[in-house]
Amino acid sequence: MFSIMPNGFIVRLSDGVIIPNDISNNDYKKYLDWKSLGNEPSIHVPTQLSGATKITRLKARLAMADKGVLDQLESWIATQPQQVKVLYEDSDWIFKDNSIVKQAALALNWSDAFLTELFTLAASL
């Protein structure tokens, strides 16, 4: 019913929802109840590996947090025109070939290999 990711977040297998370790989260409470019945989560197996070109904003942010670059990107976003800020904050999906992604990578000195690593990590979460 659940699997656990390397960062400790829980994945509900029925719908793929990522559940943070937050006792105020109702889904996390249900997970704890499920565990109290003697159940154990499986290890999360990514459904998509390298070559990811489209990831959710949530997974992108989690991957950047894991790599320690989320604050760096968000500081750069804060210096950009309003349209870029709105696109970053309100987009459901992040595309690797998007011009803003390319501008950010260039400004932050992120190599294509690092960008690929971020997208691959995000796809695995």
Protein backbone atom coordinates (compact mmCIF):
# COMPACT_ATOMS: atom_id res chain seq x y z
CA MET A 1 0.00 0.00 0.00
CA PHE A 2 2.98 2.34 0.67
CA SER A 3 6.62 2.62 -0.30
CA ILE A 4 9.35 4.77 1.20
CA MET A 5 11.67 7.08 -0.78
CA PRO A 6 15.38 7.61 -0.01
CA ASN A 7 14.56 11.02 1.51
CA GLY A 8 12.07 9.39 3.92
CA PHE A 9 8.91 10.59 2.20
CA ILE A 10 6.16 8.04 1.77
CA VAL A 11 4.52 7.15 -1.57
CA ARG A 12 0.94 5.88 -1.54
CA LEU A 13 1.02 3.18 -4.19
CA SER A 14 -2.64 3.42 -5.17
CA ASP A 15 -2.22 6.89 -6.71
CA GLY A 16 1.47 7.85 -6.42
CA VAL A 17 0.85 10.67 -3.94
CA ILE A 18 3.99 11.72 -2.05
CA ILE A 19 3.32 12.07 1.67
CA PRO A 20 5.68 14.18 3.82
CA ASN A 21 6.68 13.07 7.32
CA ASP A 22 4.34 15.55 8.99
CA ILE A 23 2.12 14.38 11.84
CA SER A 24 -0.44 17.08 10.99
CA ASN A 25 -0.86 15.57 7.49
CA ASN A 26 -3.94 13.29 7.38
CA ASP A 27 -2.33 10.98 4.81
CA TYR A 28 0.72 10.58 7.05
CA LYS A 29 -1.58 9.72 9.97
CA LYS A 30 -3.23 7.02 7.80
CA TYR A 31 0.24 5.71 6.93
CA LEU A 32 1.16 5.52 10.63
CA ASP A 33 -2.12 3.70 11.37
CA TRP A 34 -1.34 1.25 8.55
CA LYS A 35 2.15 0.67 10.02
CA SER A 36 0.73 0.18 13.52
CA LEU A 37 -1.10 -2.87 12.14
CA GLY A 38 2.29 -4.49 11.49
CA ASN A 39 2.67 -3.44 7.86
CA GLU A 40 5.99 -2.26 6.44
CA PRO A 41 6.50 -0.04 3.37
CA SER A 42 8.44 -1.34 0.41
CA ILE A 43 11.48 0.51 -0.92
CA HIS A 44 10.34 3.00 -3.55
CA VAL A 45 11.34 1.86 -7.04
CA PRO A 46 11.42 4.73 -9.54
CA THR A 47 9.21 4.27 -12.57
CA GLN A 48 11.36 6.52 -14.75
CA LEU A 49 15.14 6.80 -14.75
CA SER A 50 17.58 8.85 -16.79
CA GLY A 51 16.41 10.86 -19.75
CA ALA A 52 13.57 12.62 -17.97
CA THR A 53 12.62 15.82 -19.75
CA LYS A 54 9.38 16.63 -17.93
CA ILE A 55 8.92 16.63 -14.15
CA THR A 56 6.41 18.07 -11.73
CA ARG A 57 7.30 21.29 -9.96
CA LEU A 58 7.05 19.49 -6.60
CA LYS A 59 9.52 16.80 -7.67
CA ALA A 60 11.84 19.44 -9.15
CA ARG A 61 11.86 21.33 -5.84
CA LEU A 62 12.44 18.12 -3.85
CA ALA A 63 15.36 17.17 -6.10
CA MET A 64 16.90 20.66 -5.82
CA ALA A 65 16.48 20.53 -2.04
CA ASP A 66 18.22 17.13 -1.96
CA LYS A 67 21.09 18.57 -4.03
CA GLY A 68 21.29 21.75 -1.92
CA VAL A 69 20.52 24.15 -4.78
CA LEU A 70 16.87 25.07 -4.15
CA ASP A 71 17.72 28.30 -2.30
CA GLN A 72 20.18 29.24 -5.07
CA LEU A 73 17.50 28.87 -7.74
CA GLU A 74 14.84 30.67 -5.73
CA SER A 75 17.23 33.57 -5.09
CA TRP A 76 17.81 33.83 -8.84
CA ILE A 77 14.04 33.63 -9.52
CA ALA A 78 13.51 36.55 -7.11
CA THR A 79 15.68 38.76 -9.36
CA GLN A 80 13.73 37.93 -12.53
CA PRO A 81 10.80 39.74 -14.19
CA GLN A 82 7.32 39.10 -12.81
CA GLN A 83 6.40 36.77 -15.69
CA VAL A 84 9.29 34.42 -14.81
CA LYS A 85 8.26 34.44 -11.15
CA VAL A 86 4.65 33.61 -12.04
CA LEU A 87 5.72 30.82 -14.39
CA TYR A 88 7.97 29.31 -11.71
CA GLU A 89 5.39 29.57 -8.94
CA ASP A 90 2.32 28.45 -10.89
CA SER A 91 3.58 25.87 -13.39
CA ASP A 92 2.58 22.28 -12.70
CA TRP A 93 5.32 20.88 -14.94
CA ILE A 94 8.96 21.78 -15.56
CA PHE A 95 10.38 20.97 -19.00
CA LYS A 96 14.13 20.53 -19.40
CA ASP A 97 14.17 22.31 -22.76
CA ASN A 98 12.22 25.35 -21.49
CA SER A 99 14.02 28.64 -22.14
CA ILE A 100 13.69 29.73 -18.49
CA VAL A 101 15.24 26.46 -17.31
CA LYS A 102 18.11 27.03 -19.74
CA GLN A 103 18.54 30.66 -18.58
CA ALA A 104 18.57 29.58 -14.92
CA ALA A 105 21.10 26.81 -15.58
CA LEU A 106 23.37 29.26 -17.42
CA ALA A 107 23.06 31.94 -14.72
CA LEU A 108 23.72 29.45 -11.93
CA ASN A 109 26.58 27.69 -13.75
CA TRP A 110 24.75 24.37 -13.81
CA SER A 111 26.14 22.07 -16.47
CA ASP A 112 23.90 20.04 -18.74
CA ALA A 113 25.10 16.97 -16.84
CA PHE A 114 23.97 18.50 -13.54
CA LEU A 115 20.61 19.47 -15.03
CA THR A 116 20.18 15.90 -16.30
CA GLU A 117 21.08 14.63 -12.83
CA LEU A 118 18.44 16.89 -11.26
CA PHE A 119 15.75 15.77 -13.72
CA THR A 120 16.70 12.12 -13.24
CA LEU A 121 16.57 12.45 -9.45
CA ALA A 122 13.24 14.28 -9.63
CA ALA A 123 11.77 11.58 -11.89
CA SER A 124 12.81 8.95 -9.34
CA LEU A 125 11.01 10.59 -6.43
